[in-house]
Amino acid sequence: MAKKGDNSSKKGGSGSNPTSETTQVKIRWDNSNMQSSYANVFNVTAVREEIIFFFGESQPLEKDEKRVRLTNRILLNPFTAKRMLILLENAVQKHESKYGLLEAESSSPTGLLKAFIGPSVEEIKRRADFLIQLVKELNVTYDFERSFKMSQQKMLWHRFLMVVDKNDIRGNPHERVLNICDRLGMPEDFWGMFKEHLSQANPVDFGFEAEEGSCIYKVYLDFLPQLRKGGYINLNQTMPHIMFLGFKWDVLDPTKKAVTKYTWYPALSSEEMRRRLSDIYHNDKGGKLIELTEELLRIISSKTTHDKIYYLDVTEGHSPRKSFDINAYSANLQLKELYPLMMKIWQYFSIPSGEFSNLYRQMETKIFGHFSGGMDREGNDFLTVYFGLEPVGHSK
């Protein structure tokens, strides 16, 4: 959580005269006309009288071209600019002492566009390792789950989830969970809702996902065990229940954030699940993917009963995203048993066969867990496969 510092006062004197009265200047910050804008690129020029800052945002044009839309031009005299440099260095040092070292970027135009083009492999690893280290510091056994996400001509596999049982955390579990969220940079406007529901949830899941231009941290509150404990679940009725709340934010672009709601419908038959899938893929574009998803659902249904398959609708407030998540760990399928179907899916998404096969072969003996799909925030269809939930770490 961002913390606000106290406004400090300046003291001034009248030179060497010992009889002069020391005055205290009180600073009053007036933000009535302040405007906020986000920038992911900047540039600086200088003349004798002024240091000039340019801020803006990168935007895609053609395949090999980027455009920078300048939004702000700020002029400072050299003395003010130097004071700003000192304050900025102090702020970066404090940030690095808390969150780890930052990579230095090139001053070339290519370097300035790095935040837009996407994180490097080294940065992805650093961000992922930071989350893993924070969870390891809890000194508990946690469940580790991987996933890969497919969309048109893209396969994202820098993704994982760490599931922590609050009952295993020594000391004050809520305080320690909140500390992790703070160190991960959870947006300030998430805190009220997160704290309100934290006591009702267990376990807590910490997730990471990286793709072009994004490094996303995720924290999920799981309400199912508490619902079961309270006797609120009737598996013979399809009354919906909120199973998860997911809090997600991009550490490279603070404007990209969302609270995702996962609504579980118990006792849905396979036919009812298919009907809900048709509602999600509401246009002709998703027709083929509905067919492939239904084929996957038929395979799962042949290995387990429908009451052991968890169907969830996934929504994000006013976001156009509309998707589903179907948990089928109970089917006990190895990924290699789904290889023929997965080949059809990656062909549908036009993913290079070598990229898919090489990755899939590395995990083919892992247990298939659950899959999600639908339409993302930009209206594009996708499918994500989760697998291999396994305990790691060390117990108390």
Protein backbone atom coordinates (compact mmCIF):
# COMPACT_ATOMS: atom_id res chain seq x y z
CA MET A 1 0.00 0.00 0.00
CA ALA A 2 1.25 3.43 -0.87
CA LYS A 3 2.06 5.47 2.17
CA LYS A 4 1.91 9.22 2.30
CA GLY A 5 4.76 11.08 3.93
CA ASP A 6 4.45 14.17 6.08
CA ASN A 7 5.08 17.52 4.48
CA SER A 8 8.32 18.85 5.91
CA SER A 9 8.95 22.54 6.69
CA LYS A 10 11.90 24.66 5.68
CA LYS A 11 13.77 26.84 8.11
CA GLY A 12 15.51 30.00 7.00
CA GLY A 13 17.67 32.66 8.71
CA SER A 14 19.05 36.09 7.94
CA GLY A 15 22.69 35.28 7.42
CA SER A 16 25.32 35.81 10.14
CA ASN A 17 23.39 38.30 12.28
CA PRO A 18 22.99 36.52 15.67
CA THR A 19 20.10 38.74 16.63
CA SER A 20 17.96 37.86 13.56
CA GLU A 21 14.75 35.99 14.25
CA THR A 22 14.48 32.50 12.78
CA THR A 23 11.34 32.11 10.68
CA GLN A 24 9.50 28.94 9.78
CA VAL A 25 7.92 28.62 6.35
CA LYS A 26 4.90 26.34 6.21
CA ILE A 27 4.23 24.73 2.87
CA ARG A 28 0.62 24.40 1.80
CA TRP A 29 0.09 21.95 -1.07
CA ASP A 30 -2.78 23.01 -3.33
CA ASN A 31 -3.87 20.17 -5.65
CA SER A 32 -7.15 21.75 -6.76
CA ASN A 33 -5.87 22.20 -10.34
CA MET A 34 -3.64 19.12 -10.44
CA GLN A 35 -3.98 16.71 -13.35
CA SER A 36 -2.74 13.12 -13.43
CA SER A 37 -1.54 11.37 -16.57
CA TYR A 38 0.32 8.12 -17.20
CA ALA A 39 3.60 7.99 -19.16
CA ASN A 40 5.66 4.99 -20.25
CA VAL A 41 8.27 6.94 -22.28
CA PHE A 42 10.08 10.22 -21.74
CA ASN A 43 12.86 12.37 -23.10
CA VAL A 44 14.93 15.28 -21.78
CA THR A 45 16.60 18.22 -23.54
CA ALA A 46 18.45 21.22 -22.12
CA VAL A 47 19.26 24.80 -23.01
CA ARG A 48 21.12 27.36 -20.91
CA GLU A 49 18.06 28.60 -19.01
CA GLU A 50 15.85 25.49 -18.92
CA ILE A 51 15.71 21.71 -18.59
CA ILE A 52 12.78 20.41 -20.66
CA PHE A 53 11.00 17.12 -19.94
CA PHE A 54 8.76 15.37 -22.48
CA PHE A 55 6.37 12.64 -21.33
CA GLY A 56 4.10 10.44 -23.40
CA GLU A 57 2.76 7.01 -24.27
CA SER A 58 3.88 4.51 -26.91
CA GLN A 59 1.30 3.25 -29.37
CA PRO A 60 1.56 0.55 -32.05
CA LEU A 61 1.32 1.43 -35.71
CA GLU A 62 2.56 -1.16 -38.14
CA LYS A 63 4.36 -4.38 -37.31
CA ASP A 64 7.82 -2.81 -36.99
CA GLU A 65 6.81 0.71 -36.04
CA LYS A 66 5.86 2.45 -32.80
CA ARG A 67 4.45 5.93 -32.27
CA VAL A 68 5.01 8.02 -29.15
CA ARG A 69 2.07 10.30 -28.35
CA LEU A 70 3.47 13.15 -26.28
CA THR A 71 1.14 14.28 -23.51
CA ASN A 72 3.17 16.66 -21.32
CA ARG A 73 6.03 19.16 -21.75
CA ILE A 74 7.42 20.47 -18.47
CA LEU A 75 10.04 23.23 -18.18
CA LEU A 76 12.26 23.57 -15.09
CA ASN A 77 15.11 25.91 -14.35
CA PRO A 78 18.42 24.03 -13.89
CA PHE A 79 18.45 24.47 -10.08
CA THR A 80 14.94 23.02 -9.71
CA ALA A 81 15.85 20.19 -12.08
CA LYS A 82 18.87 19.32 -9.94
CA ARG A 83 16.75 19.22 -6.78
CA MET A 84 14.33 16.98 -8.64
CA LEU A 85 17.22 14.67 -9.60
CA ILE A 86 18.22 14.31 -5.93
CA LEU A 87 14.64 13.52 -4.87
CA LEU A 88 14.24 11.05 -7.74
CA GLU A 89 17.47 9.25 -6.82
CA ASN A 90 16.32 8.96 -3.20
CA ALA A 91 12.92 7.61 -4.30
CA VAL A 92 14.52 4.99 -6.58
CA GLN A 93 16.94 3.91 -3.82
CA LYS A 94 14.04 3.42 -1.40
CA HIS A 95 12.11 1.49 -4.05
CA GLU A 96 15.08 -0.80 -4.76
CA SER A 97 15.75 -1.42 -1.08
CA LYS A 98 12.16 -2.62 -0.71
CA TYR A 99 11.46 -4.34 -4.03
CA GLY A 100 14.87 -5.21 -5.47
CA LEU A 101 17.25 -3.71 -8.03
CA LEU A 102 15.84 -2.16 -11.18
CA GLU A 103 17.36 -2.74 -14.58
CA ALA A 104 19.01 0.30 -16.12
CA GLU A 105 17.58 1.17 -19.52
CA SER A 106 19.41 2.52 -22.52
CA SER A 107 19.00 6.18 -23.31
CA SER A 108 18.50 5.35 -26.98
CA PRO A 109 15.03 5.56 -28.56
CA THR A 110 14.88 1.76 -28.47
CA GLY A 111 15.57 1.82 -24.74
CA LEU A 112 12.94 4.48 -24.15
CA LEU A 113 10.33 2.24 -25.78
CA LYS A 114 11.30 -0.82 -23.76
CA ALA A 115 8.37 -0.50 -21.34
CA PHE A 116 5.96 -0.60 -24.27
CA ILE A 117 7.65 -3.31 -26.30
CA GLY A 118 7.70 -5.63 -23.35
CA PRO A 119 9.72 -6.93 -20.43
CA SER A 120 12.95 -8.78 -21.12
CA VAL A 121 13.39 -12.42 -20.15
CA GLU A 122 15.61 -11.23 -17.29
CA GLU A 123 12.94 -8.87 -16.00
CA ILE A 124 10.24 -11.53 -16.24
CA LYS A 125 12.43 -13.90 -14.25
CA ARG A 126 13.18 -11.23 -11.66
CA ARG A 127 9.51 -10.37 -11.17
CA ALA A 128 8.53 -14.04 -10.96
CA ASP A 129 11.37 -14.90 -8.58
CA PHE A 130 10.39 -11.99 -6.35
CA LEU A 131 6.88 -13.40 -5.85
CA ILE A 132 8.21 -16.92 -5.27
CA GLN A 133 10.66 -15.63 -2.67
CA LEU A 134 7.92 -13.73 -0.81
CA VAL A 135 5.78 -16.87 -0.56
CA LYS A 136 8.79 -18.98 0.46
CA GLU A 137 9.43 -16.56 3.32
CA LEU A 138 6.14 -17.75 4.85
CA ASN A 139 7.91 -21.09 5.56
CA VAL A 140 4.88 -23.18 4.62
CA THR A 141 4.10 -25.91 2.14
CA TYR A 142 2.19 -24.48 -0.81
CA ASP A 143 0.67 -25.98 -3.96
CA PHE A 144 2.31 -24.93 -7.21
CA GLU A 145 0.37 -24.95 -10.50
CA ARG A 146 1.48 -24.04 -14.01
CA SER A 147 -0.55 -23.02 -17.05
CA PHE A 148 -0.25 -21.93 -20.67
CA LYS A 149 -2.54 -19.54 -22.50
CA MET A 150 -3.34 -19.73 -26.20
CA SER A 151 -4.72 -16.97 -28.40
CA GLN A 152 -4.27 -16.04 -32.05
CA GLN A 153 -0.63 -16.74 -32.99
CA LYS A 154 0.44 -16.54 -29.34
CA MET A 155 1.24 -19.07 -26.65
CA LEU A 156 2.04 -17.63 -23.24
CA TRP A 157 3.71 -19.92 -20.74
CA HIS A 158 5.31 -17.54 -18.19
CA ARG A 159 2.44 -18.28 -15.82
CA PHE A 160 2.09 -19.95 -12.42
CA LEU A 161 -0.03 -20.04 -9.28
CA MET A 162 0.99 -20.65 -5.65
CA VAL A 163 -1.79 -21.79 -3.28
CA VAL A 164 -1.25 -21.02 0.42
CA ASP A 165 -3.35 -22.29 3.34
CA LYS A 166 -3.66 -19.47 5.86
CA ASN A 167 -3.85 -21.98 8.71
CA ASP A 168 -0.24 -22.97 8.02
CA ILE A 169 1.10 -19.43 8.39
CA ARG A 170 2.71 -18.66 11.74
CA GLY A 171 2.00 -15.44 13.55
CA ASN A 172 -0.75 -13.25 12.13
CA PRO A 173 -1.74 -14.84 8.78
CA HIS A 174 -3.75 -11.84 7.58
CA GLU A 175 -0.97 -9.41 8.37
CA ARG A 176 1.60 -11.54 6.54
CA VAL A 177 -0.65 -11.96 3.49
CA LEU A 178 -1.23 -8.20 3.40
CA ASN A 179 2.52 -7.62 3.66
CA ILE A 180 3.08 -9.71 0.52
CA CYS A 181 0.38 -7.76 -1.31
CA ASP A 182 2.00 -4.51 -0.22
CA ARG A 183 5.45 -5.55 -1.40
CA LEU A 184 3.99 -6.68 -4.73
CA GLY A 185 2.52 -3.21 -5.20
CA MET A 186 -1.19 -4.02 -4.99
CA PRO A 187 -3.11 -0.92 -6.19
CA GLU A 188 -4.39 1.26 -3.39
CA ASP A 189 -8.00 1.08 -4.58
CA PHE A 190 -7.99 -2.73 -4.17
CA TRP A 191 -7.19 -2.68 -0.46
CA GLY A 192 -10.67 -2.00 0.92
CA MET A 193 -12.34 -4.90 -0.90
CA PHE A 194 -9.39 -7.22 -0.34
CA LYS A 195 -9.27 -6.64 3.44
CA GLU A 196 -13.05 -6.93 3.69
CA HIS A 197 -13.06 -10.44 2.20
CA LEU A 198 -9.71 -11.79 3.39
CA SER A 199 -11.09 -13.16 6.67
CA GLN A 200 -13.78 -15.12 4.77
CA ALA A 201 -11.32 -16.78 2.40
CA ASN A 202 -8.88 -19.67 2.64
CA PRO A 203 -6.67 -20.55 0.86
CA VAL A 204 -5.07 -17.48 -0.75
CA ASP A 205 -3.54 -17.93 -4.20
CA PHE A 206 -0.64 -15.84 -5.52
CA GLY A 207 -0.17 -15.78 -9.29
CA PHE A 208 2.11 -14.39 -11.98
CA GLU A 209 1.71 -13.92 -15.73
CA ALA A 210 3.96 -12.27 -18.31
CA GLU A 211 3.29 -11.37 -21.90
CA GLU A 212 4.27 -8.66 -24.38
CA GLY A 213 4.28 -5.39 -22.51
CA SER A 214 3.02 -6.80 -19.21
CA CYS A 215 4.11 -8.40 -15.94
CA ILE A 216 0.97 -9.16 -13.98
CA TYR A 217 0.67 -10.11 -10.31
CA LYS A 218 -2.52 -11.81 -9.16
CA VAL A 219 -3.96 -12.61 -5.74
CA TYR A 220 -7.06 -14.81 -5.45
CA LEU A 221 -9.31 -15.24 -2.44
CA ASP A 222 -10.86 -18.73 -2.36
CA PHE A 223 -14.23 -18.95 -0.59
CA LEU A 224 -15.22 -22.57 -1.36
CA PRO A 225 -13.85 -24.25 1.82
CA GLN A 226 -15.60 -21.67 4.00
CA LEU A 227 -18.85 -22.12 2.06
CA ARG A 228 -18.64 -25.86 2.61
CA LYS A 229 -17.82 -25.42 6.28
CA GLY A 230 -20.81 -23.12 6.73
CA GLY A 231 -23.17 -25.59 5.07
CA TYR A 232 -24.08 -23.17 2.26
CA ILE A 233 -23.48 -25.64 -0.58
CA ASN A 234 -26.23 -27.87 -1.96
CA LEU A 235 -24.86 -29.99 -4.78
CA ASN A 236 -28.39 -30.83 -5.90
CA GLN A 237 -29.14 -27.18 -6.71
CA THR A 238 -27.56 -24.85 -9.24
CA MET A 239 -27.71 -21.79 -6.98
CA PRO A 240 -24.61 -19.74 -7.85
CA HIS A 241 -21.85 -19.00 -5.32
CA ILE A 242 -18.85 -16.68 -5.56
CA MET A 243 -15.92 -19.10 -5.40
CA PHE A 244 -13.04 -16.68 -6.08
CA LEU A 245 -12.23 -13.00 -6.22
CA GLY A 246 -9.11 -12.30 -8.26
CA PHE A 247 -7.13 -9.06 -7.82
CA LYS A 248 -4.84 -8.44 -10.82
CA TRP A 249 -2.48 -5.60 -11.73
CA ASP A 250 0.28 -4.93 -14.24
CA VAL A 251 3.43 -3.72 -12.50
CA LEU A 252 4.65 -2.15 -15.76
CA ASP A 253 1.43 -0.22 -16.40
CA PRO A 254 -0.55 0.77 -13.28
CA THR A 255 -3.58 1.68 -15.41
CA LYS A 256 -4.06 -2.00 -16.24
CA LYS A 257 -5.81 -3.66 -13.31
CA ALA A 258 -8.99 -5.60 -12.64
CA VAL A 259 -10.99 -7.39 -9.98
CA THR A 260 -12.28 -10.65 -11.44
CA LYS A 261 -15.28 -12.53 -10.06
CA TYR A 262 -15.55 -16.33 -10.42
CA THR A 263 -19.12 -17.60 -9.94
CA TRP A 264 -19.63 -21.33 -9.39
CA TYR A 265 -22.77 -23.16 -10.52
CA PRO A 266 -22.97 -26.54 -8.70
CA ALA A 267 -24.71 -29.55 -10.20
CA LEU A 268 -24.64 -28.34 -13.81
CA SER A 269 -25.06 -31.14 -16.31
CA SER A 270 -22.72 -31.35 -19.30
CA GLU A 271 -25.56 -30.12 -21.49
CA GLU A 272 -26.12 -27.09 -19.27
CA MET A 273 -22.40 -26.32 -19.38
CA ARG A 274 -22.50 -26.38 -23.17
CA ARG A 275 -25.41 -23.94 -23.18
CA ARG A 276 -23.48 -21.52 -21.00
CA LEU A 277 -20.49 -21.83 -23.33
CA SER A 278 -22.70 -20.79 -26.24
CA ASP A 279 -23.76 -17.69 -24.29
CA ILE A 280 -20.12 -16.73 -23.75
CA TYR A 281 -19.09 -17.22 -27.38
CA HIS A 282 -21.87 -14.98 -28.56
CA ASN A 283 -20.70 -14.52 -32.15
CA ASP A 284 -19.72 -16.66 -35.11
CA LYS A 285 -16.04 -16.12 -34.38
CA GLY A 286 -16.16 -18.51 -31.43
CA GLY A 287 -18.02 -21.30 -33.22
CA LYS A 288 -15.00 -23.51 -33.85
CA LEU A 289 -13.65 -22.95 -30.35
CA ILE A 290 -17.03 -23.94 -28.87
CA GLU A 291 -16.75 -27.18 -30.81
CA LEU A 292 -13.23 -27.85 -29.51
CA THR A 293 -14.18 -26.92 -25.95
CA GLU A 294 -17.19 -29.25 -26.07
CA GLU A 295 -14.92 -32.06 -27.29
CA LEU A 296 -12.66 -31.44 -24.30
CA LEU A 297 -15.68 -31.46 -22.02
CA ARG A 298 -16.82 -34.82 -23.46
CA ILE A 299 -13.42 -36.37 -22.73
CA ILE A 300 -13.50 -35.09 -19.16
CA SER A 301 -17.08 -36.26 -18.62
CA SER A 302 -16.09 -39.78 -19.69
CA LYS A 303 -13.55 -39.92 -16.85
CA THR A 304 -15.56 -38.45 -13.96
CA THR A 305 -19.10 -37.52 -12.93
CA HIS A 306 -20.56 -34.09 -13.63
CA ASP A 307 -20.98 -33.31 -9.93
CA LYS A 308 -17.17 -33.44 -9.58
CA ILE A 309 -16.65 -30.95 -12.40
CA TYR A 310 -16.67 -27.32 -11.29
CA TYR A 311 -18.08 -24.84 -13.78
CA LEU A 312 -17.47 -21.13 -13.15
CA ASP A 313 -18.54 -18.00 -15.00
CA VAL A 314 -15.82 -15.32 -15.03
CA THR A 315 -16.63 -11.59 -15.19
CA GLU A 316 -14.84 -8.28 -14.55
CA GLY A 317 -17.33 -5.59 -13.64
CA HIS A 318 -18.04 -3.42 -16.67
CA SER A 319 -15.23 -5.02 -18.69
CA PRO A 320 -16.29 -6.75 -21.96
CA ARG A 321 -14.43 -9.86 -20.78
CA LYS A 322 -16.75 -12.86 -20.56
CA SER A 323 -15.26 -16.26 -19.97
CA PHE A 324 -15.51 -19.56 -18.10
CA ASP A 325 -13.34 -21.86 -15.99
CA ILE A 326 -13.96 -25.61 -15.72
CA ASN A 327 -12.04 -27.53 -13.05
CA ALA A 328 -11.57 -31.21 -13.87
CA TYR A 329 -8.75 -32.47 -11.66
CA SER A 330 -11.14 -35.27 -10.62
CA ALA A 331 -10.82 -36.79 -14.12
CA ASN A 332 -7.13 -37.60 -13.36
CA LEU A 333 -6.11 -37.14 -16.99
CA GLN A 334 -2.50 -36.80 -18.04
CA LEU A 335 -1.84 -34.07 -20.57
CA LYS A 336 -0.53 -36.61 -23.08
CA GLU A 337 -4.04 -38.13 -23.24
CA LEU A 338 -5.29 -34.79 -24.58
CA TYR A 339 -2.52 -34.27 -27.13
CA PRO A 340 -4.63 -34.95 -30.29
CA LEU A 341 -7.25 -32.43 -29.15
CA MET A 342 -4.63 -29.90 -28.11
CA MET A 343 -3.13 -30.14 -31.59
CA LYS A 344 -6.49 -29.05 -33.02
CA ILE A 345 -6.65 -26.16 -30.59
CA TRP A 346 -3.18 -24.81 -31.38
CA GLN A 347 -3.95 -25.17 -35.10
CA TYR A 348 -7.09 -23.11 -34.56
CA PHE A 349 -4.98 -20.39 -32.90
CA SER A 350 -2.30 -20.63 -35.66
CA ILE A 351 0.48 -21.36 -33.16
CA PRO A 352 3.71 -22.72 -34.74
CA SER A 353 3.68 -26.48 -34.33
CA GLY A 354 7.30 -26.69 -33.18
CA GLU A 355 6.75 -24.18 -30.37
CA PHE A 356 3.68 -26.02 -29.11
CA SER A 357 5.03 -29.57 -29.40
CA ASN A 358 8.35 -28.81 -27.71
CA LEU A 359 6.62 -27.23 -24.74
CA TYR A 360 3.87 -29.83 -24.50
CA ARG A 361 6.28 -32.76 -24.51
CA GLN A 362 8.01 -31.35 -21.42
CA MET A 363 4.82 -31.55 -19.37
CA GLU A 364 2.87 -34.41 -20.94
CA THR A 365 2.97 -36.58 -17.80
CA LYS A 366 1.48 -33.81 -15.64
CA ILE A 367 -2.14 -34.07 -14.52
CA PHE A 368 -4.58 -31.89 -16.44
CA GLY A 369 -6.32 -29.60 -13.98
CA HIS A 370 -8.72 -27.05 -15.38
CA PHE A 371 -9.19 -24.89 -18.43
CA SER A 372 -10.60 -21.45 -19.04
CA GLY A 373 -11.61 -19.64 -22.17
CA GLY A 374 -13.93 -17.14 -23.74
CA MET A 375 -13.55 -13.55 -24.90
CA ASP A 376 -10.90 -11.31 -23.36
CA ARG A 377 -11.07 -7.56 -22.65
CA GLU A 378 -10.31 -6.78 -26.30
CA GLY A 379 -12.94 -9.18 -27.63
CA ASN A 380 -10.44 -11.85 -28.71
CA ASP A 381 -11.01 -15.53 -27.97
CA PHE A 382 -8.53 -17.51 -25.87
CA LEU A 383 -8.08 -20.81 -24.06
CA THR A 384 -5.88 -21.45 -21.00
CA VAL A 385 -4.86 -24.87 -19.67
CA TYR A 386 -3.82 -25.35 -16.01
CA PHE A 387 -1.98 -28.45 -14.89
CA GLY A 388 0.25 -30.25 -12.42
CA LEU A 389 -0.93 -28.92 -9.04
CA GLU A 390 1.75 -30.24 -6.66
CA PRO A 391 2.87 -29.45 -3.09
CA VAL A 392 6.28 -27.81 -2.72
CA GLY A 393 8.11 -25.83 -0.07
CA HIS A 394 8.58 -26.87 3.51
CA SER A 395 6.10 -27.38 6.34
CA LYS A 396 6.12 -25.83 9.78
